[in-house]
Amino acid sequence: MEEGFAFTPQLGLIVGGIVGIIIGWVIGFFDSNRNSSKKIKQAEASAEIAINDAKEKIAQAEAKLASIAADPVTVDDPGLMRIKNENGALTLDLDGARVNTSSLLPEQRKRLIEMLNVMRPWLENKPAPVTPPPPAQPKPAADSRQVPPVQTAASPAPQPVSVKPAPAPIPVPAKDKAPAAPPTTMVGQINAILQSRIVNTRLAEQGVTMIESPTGGVYVYVGLKKFEGIDSVPDEEVKTAIRAAIAEWERKYTPGL
């Protein structure tokens, strides 16, 4: 006779433990899903707030750019020379920089004299001075060496070509030449003094001359070499001659300054 299945207390404990585990897993699963949904909703809400903040900042930046574009910025341009009345005191700006009028530097004094020479024709109802053009640069001499013609066996011997000498230029009488107009700019006047001082000297043979630059400065030419400003000339004899011409110009045109 077969024995029936007996439900023992040990078996009951095992079955109860398994059921408890299954129930706990189910509860944990649903609780985890609920927490995940809650976190997703919180993240979506935070992202929406950040997007709204970004849109608001972009709108503020666009409004600020629009206001800047509507109000053009005025740039202060002092020009070459400007005199202003600041609280009852006159101030002077040269080439965009403030200068101390009570103790002008030599370069500032020279620049101020240049400005006064530019304005002087306006007071005298004369045309504004014209900057003289730079001296014409001599063309390099052609090579005087003759290259013998290359002949081949089949080419005929070259025939001599007679060249007529060019007619000698007709000298123009001195009385027909109009006298050159005196220079009106400060640099032109100083250059005229310089040329008169270096006649029949080594500096005249080197072709030392001065012209005014488009910016109001000075170009010094020594032959074909150009130097911007007197201090950039390496030859001390040239600089000494130019400074002597400047001193003579100051005695002649600005006495007492």
Protein backbone atom coordinates (compact mmCIF):
# COMPACT_ATOMS: atom_id res chain seq x y z
CA MET A 1 0.00 0.00 0.00
CA GLU A 2 1.46 3.33 -1.15
CA GLU A 3 1.91 6.11 1.37
CA GLY A 4 0.16 9.51 0.68
CA PHE A 5 1.97 12.82 0.30
CA ALA A 6 2.55 14.23 3.75
CA PHE A 7 2.72 18.06 4.19
CA THR A 8 5.37 18.57 6.76
CA PRO A 9 6.16 21.87 8.57
CA GLN A 10 9.54 22.04 6.84
CA LEU A 11 7.90 21.89 3.46
CA GLY A 12 5.49 24.63 4.53
CA LEU A 13 8.35 26.90 5.49
CA ILE A 14 10.04 26.39 2.11
CA VAL A 15 6.88 27.08 0.16
CA GLY A 16 6.11 30.13 2.29
CA GLY A 17 9.61 31.52 1.71
CA ILE A 18 9.32 31.09 -2.05
CA VAL A 19 5.93 32.79 -2.11
CA GLY A 20 7.28 35.64 0.04
CA ILE A 21 10.21 36.15 -2.35
CA ILE A 22 7.89 36.26 -5.33
CA ILE A 23 5.56 38.73 -3.62
CA GLY A 24 8.54 40.93 -2.59
CA TRP A 25 9.90 40.94 -6.15
CA VAL A 26 6.53 41.93 -7.56
CA ILE A 27 6.17 44.75 -5.04
CA GLY A 28 9.73 45.95 -5.73
CA PHE A 29 9.15 45.84 -9.49
CA PHE A 30 6.07 48.02 -9.32
CA ASP A 31 7.69 50.41 -6.84
CA SER A 32 10.78 50.76 -9.09
CA ASN A 33 8.59 51.53 -12.09
CA ARG A 34 6.74 54.13 -10.08
CA ASN A 35 10.00 55.80 -8.94
CA SER A 36 11.38 55.74 -12.50
CA SER A 37 8.26 57.41 -13.84
CA LYS A 38 8.49 60.05 -11.14
CA LYS A 39 12.20 60.74 -11.98
CA ILE A 40 11.43 60.96 -15.69
CA LYS A 41 8.68 63.51 -15.04
CA GLN A 42 11.03 65.55 -12.81
CA ALA A 43 13.75 65.49 -15.52
CA GLU A 44 11.23 66.57 -18.17
CA ALA A 45 10.07 69.42 -15.95
CA SER A 46 13.67 70.56 -15.28
CA ALA A 47 14.48 70.42 -19.02
CA GLU A 48 11.41 72.49 -19.85
CA ILE A 49 12.40 75.11 -17.27
CA ALA A 50 15.95 75.27 -18.68
CA ILE A 51 14.60 75.65 -22.23
CA ASN A 52 12.32 78.49 -21.15
CA ASP A 53 15.21 80.23 -19.37
CA ALA A 54 17.40 79.91 -22.48
CA LYS A 55 14.63 81.33 -24.68
CA GLU A 56 14.21 84.27 -22.31
CA LYS A 57 17.97 85.02 -22.33
CA ILE A 58 18.09 84.81 -26.13
CA ALA A 59 15.18 87.25 -26.37
CA GLN A 60 16.96 89.67 -23.99
CA ALA A 61 20.20 89.43 -26.02
CA GLU A 62 18.33 90.09 -29.28
CA ALA A 63 16.60 93.10 -27.74
CA LYS A 64 19.95 94.46 -26.55
CA LEU A 65 21.52 94.00 -29.99
CA ALA A 66 18.57 95.75 -31.59
CA SER A 67 18.95 98.72 -29.23
CA ILE A 68 22.69 98.94 -29.98
CA ALA A 69 22.03 98.88 -33.73
CA ALA A 70 19.40 101.59 -33.36
CA ASP A 71 21.83 103.89 -31.49
CA PRO A 72 24.97 104.38 -33.67
CA VAL A 73 28.23 104.80 -31.75
CA THR A 74 29.96 108.13 -32.35
CA VAL A 75 33.74 107.80 -32.62
CA ASP A 76 35.80 110.76 -31.49
CA ASP A 77 38.14 111.75 -34.33
CA PRO A 78 40.51 114.54 -33.24
CA GLY A 79 42.06 114.87 -36.73
CA LEU A 80 45.51 116.42 -37.24
CA MET A 81 45.04 119.24 -34.73
CA ARG A 82 42.25 120.10 -32.30
CA ILE A 83 41.83 122.88 -29.74
CA LYS A 84 39.14 122.40 -27.06
CA ASN A 85 37.83 124.49 -24.20
CA GLU A 86 37.59 122.19 -21.20
CA ASN A 87 36.23 123.97 -18.12
CA GLY A 88 37.71 127.28 -19.24
CA ALA A 89 41.17 125.88 -20.08
CA LEU A 90 42.33 125.46 -23.68
CA THR A 91 43.78 122.06 -24.57
CA LEU A 92 45.69 121.02 -27.70
CA ASP A 93 45.67 117.66 -29.49
CA LEU A 94 48.22 116.95 -32.23
CA ASP A 95 47.74 113.89 -34.42
CA GLY A 96 45.24 112.47 -31.94
CA ALA A 97 47.49 112.84 -28.85
CA ARG A 98 47.17 115.40 -26.04
CA VAL A 99 50.23 117.67 -25.66
CA ASN A 100 51.37 119.90 -22.83
CA THR A 101 51.25 123.44 -24.24
CA SER A 102 53.38 124.81 -21.40
CA SER A 103 56.40 122.65 -22.37
CA LEU A 104 56.28 121.49 -25.98
CA LEU A 105 58.81 118.90 -27.12
CA PRO A 106 60.95 119.76 -30.17
CA GLU A 107 58.99 117.31 -32.34
CA GLN A 108 55.67 118.76 -31.13
CA ARG A 109 56.88 122.32 -31.76
CA LYS A 110 57.96 121.38 -35.28
CA ARG A 111 54.61 119.71 -35.95
CA LEU A 112 52.70 122.75 -34.69
CA ILE A 113 54.74 125.03 -36.99
CA GLU A 114 53.87 122.74 -39.89
CA MET A 115 50.16 123.09 -39.07
CA LEU A 116 50.49 126.88 -38.89
CA ASN A 117 52.21 126.95 -42.30
CA VAL A 118 49.36 124.90 -43.73
CA MET A 119 46.77 127.37 -42.36
CA ARG A 120 48.69 130.52 -43.29
CA PRO A 121 47.54 130.54 -46.97
CA TRP A 122 43.92 130.39 -45.77
CA LEU A 123 44.40 133.61 -43.79
CA GLU A 124 46.10 135.26 -46.80
CA ASN A 125 43.39 134.08 -49.23
CA LYS A 126 45.91 132.03 -51.15
CA PRO A 127 45.50 128.49 -52.53
CA ALA A 128 46.51 125.65 -50.24
CA PRO A 129 50.12 124.46 -50.69
CA VAL A 130 50.65 121.55 -53.02
CA THR A 131 52.98 118.78 -52.00
CA PRO A 132 55.85 118.65 -54.53
CA PRO A 133 56.21 115.34 -56.35
CA PRO A 134 59.19 113.11 -55.57
CA PRO A 135 62.24 113.61 -57.77
CA ALA A 136 62.29 111.56 -60.92
CA GLN A 137 64.50 108.51 -60.58
CA PRO A 138 67.10 108.21 -63.35
CA LYS A 139 66.71 105.26 -65.66
CA PRO A 140 69.58 102.74 -65.66
CA ALA A 141 71.94 103.25 -68.55
CA ALA A 142 71.71 100.72 -71.32
CA ASP A 143 74.53 98.23 -71.68
CA SER A 144 77.00 99.71 -74.18
CA ARG A 145 78.65 96.40 -74.89
CA GLN A 146 77.89 95.08 -78.36
CA VAL A 147 76.98 91.45 -78.76
CA PRO A 148 78.29 90.01 -82.03
CA PRO A 149 75.57 88.48 -84.20
CA VAL A 150 75.34 84.70 -84.20
CA GLN A 151 75.72 83.26 -87.66
CA THR A 152 74.90 79.83 -88.95
CA ALA A 153 76.23 78.13 -92.02
CA ALA A 154 73.03 78.74 -93.96
CA SER A 155 72.50 82.38 -92.94
CA PRO A 156 73.97 85.12 -95.14
CA ALA A 157 76.54 87.54 -93.83
CA PRO A 158 74.95 90.58 -92.17
CA GLN A 159 75.07 93.78 -94.12
CA PRO A 160 76.45 96.87 -92.39
CA VAL A 161 73.75 99.33 -91.41
CA SER A 162 74.53 103.01 -91.46
CA VAL A 163 73.07 104.90 -88.54
CA LYS A 164 72.66 108.63 -88.81
CA PRO A 165 73.65 110.51 -85.69
CA ALA A 166 70.79 112.15 -83.84
CA PRO A 167 70.64 115.91 -84.23
CA ALA A 168 72.07 117.85 -81.35
CA PRO A 169 69.44 119.43 -79.09
CA ILE A 170 68.87 123.09 -79.64
CA PRO A 171 69.81 125.01 -76.51
CA VAL A 172 67.01 127.09 -75.06
CA PRO A 173 68.01 130.62 -74.11
CA ALA A 174 67.93 131.28 -70.43
CA LYS A 175 65.60 134.24 -70.89
CA ASP A 176 62.89 131.96 -72.35
CA LYS A 177 62.77 129.81 -69.21
CA ALA A 178 60.21 130.94 -66.64
CA PRO A 179 61.60 131.28 -63.12
CA ALA A 180 60.49 128.54 -60.74
CA ALA A 181 57.86 129.58 -58.22
CA PRO A 182 59.13 129.76 -54.64
CA PRO A 183 57.98 126.87 -52.45
CA THR A 184 55.06 127.51 -50.12
CA THR A 185 55.29 124.51 -47.77
CA MET A 186 57.63 124.36 -44.82
CA VAL A 187 59.42 121.28 -46.17
CA GLY A 188 59.79 122.91 -49.59
CA GLN A 189 61.23 126.07 -48.03
CA ILE A 190 63.69 124.08 -45.91
CA ASN A 191 64.72 122.04 -48.96
CA ALA A 192 65.37 125.25 -50.93
CA ILE A 193 67.64 126.47 -48.10
CA LEU A 194 69.33 123.06 -48.00
CA GLN A 195 70.04 123.07 -51.74
CA SER A 196 71.55 126.54 -51.53
CA ARG A 197 73.82 125.42 -48.67
CA ILE A 198 75.13 122.22 -50.32
CA VAL A 199 75.93 123.67 -53.75
CA ASN A 200 79.23 122.27 -55.13
CA THR A 201 79.58 119.86 -52.20
CA ARG A 202 79.64 116.11 -51.88
CA LEU A 203 76.03 116.16 -50.67
CA ALA A 204 74.90 117.81 -53.89
CA GLU A 205 76.69 115.12 -55.90
CA GLN A 206 74.88 112.46 -53.84
CA GLY A 207 71.51 114.02 -54.69
CA VAL A 208 70.39 114.94 -51.16
CA THR A 209 66.89 116.43 -51.20
CA MET A 210 63.74 116.62 -49.04
CA ILE A 211 60.05 116.34 -49.93
CA GLU A 212 56.87 116.33 -47.86
CA SER A 213 55.17 112.96 -47.34
CA PRO A 214 51.40 112.53 -47.90
CA THR A 215 50.91 112.30 -44.10
CA GLY A 216 52.67 115.61 -43.44
CA GLY A 217 56.04 114.10 -42.54
CA VAL A 218 59.38 114.34 -44.35
CA TYR A 219 61.01 112.04 -46.92
CA VAL A 220 64.78 112.44 -47.29
CA TYR A 221 66.31 111.20 -50.55
CA VAL A 222 70.01 110.43 -50.85
CA GLY A 223 70.30 109.51 -54.49
CA LEU A 224 67.78 106.70 -55.05
CA LYS A 225 67.54 105.81 -51.36
CA LYS A 226 64.52 107.11 -49.48
CA PHE A 227 64.43 107.62 -45.70
CA GLU A 228 61.31 108.45 -43.69
CA GLY A 229 62.28 111.22 -41.29
CA ILE A 230 65.59 112.89 -40.64
CA ASP A 231 66.60 110.56 -37.81
CA SER A 232 66.43 107.51 -40.09
CA VAL A 233 69.26 108.85 -42.32
CA PRO A 234 72.45 106.97 -41.42
CA ASP A 235 74.84 109.62 -42.78
CA GLU A 236 75.61 112.12 -40.00
CA GLU A 237 76.84 114.74 -42.49
CA VAL A 238 73.46 114.68 -44.25
CA LYS A 239 71.58 115.01 -40.95
CA THR A 240 73.82 117.89 -39.84
CA ALA A 241 73.21 119.75 -43.12
CA ILE A 242 69.42 119.27 -42.84
CA ARG A 243 69.34 120.44 -39.21
CA ALA A 244 71.36 123.53 -40.17
CA ALA A 245 68.83 124.28 -42.93
CA ILE A 246 65.97 123.89 -40.43
CA ALA A 247 67.67 126.30 -38.01
CA GLU A 248 68.11 128.86 -40.80
CA TRP A 249 64.44 128.42 -41.78
CA GLU A 250 63.33 129.06 -38.19
CA ARG A 251 65.42 132.23 -38.00
CA LYS A 252 63.96 133.42 -41.33
CA TYR A 253 60.30 132.43 -41.09
CA THR A 254 59.59 132.18 -37.35
CA PRO A 255 61.65 134.86 -35.67
CA GLY A 256 61.08 135.24 -31.98
CA LEU A 257 59.37 131.85 -31.44
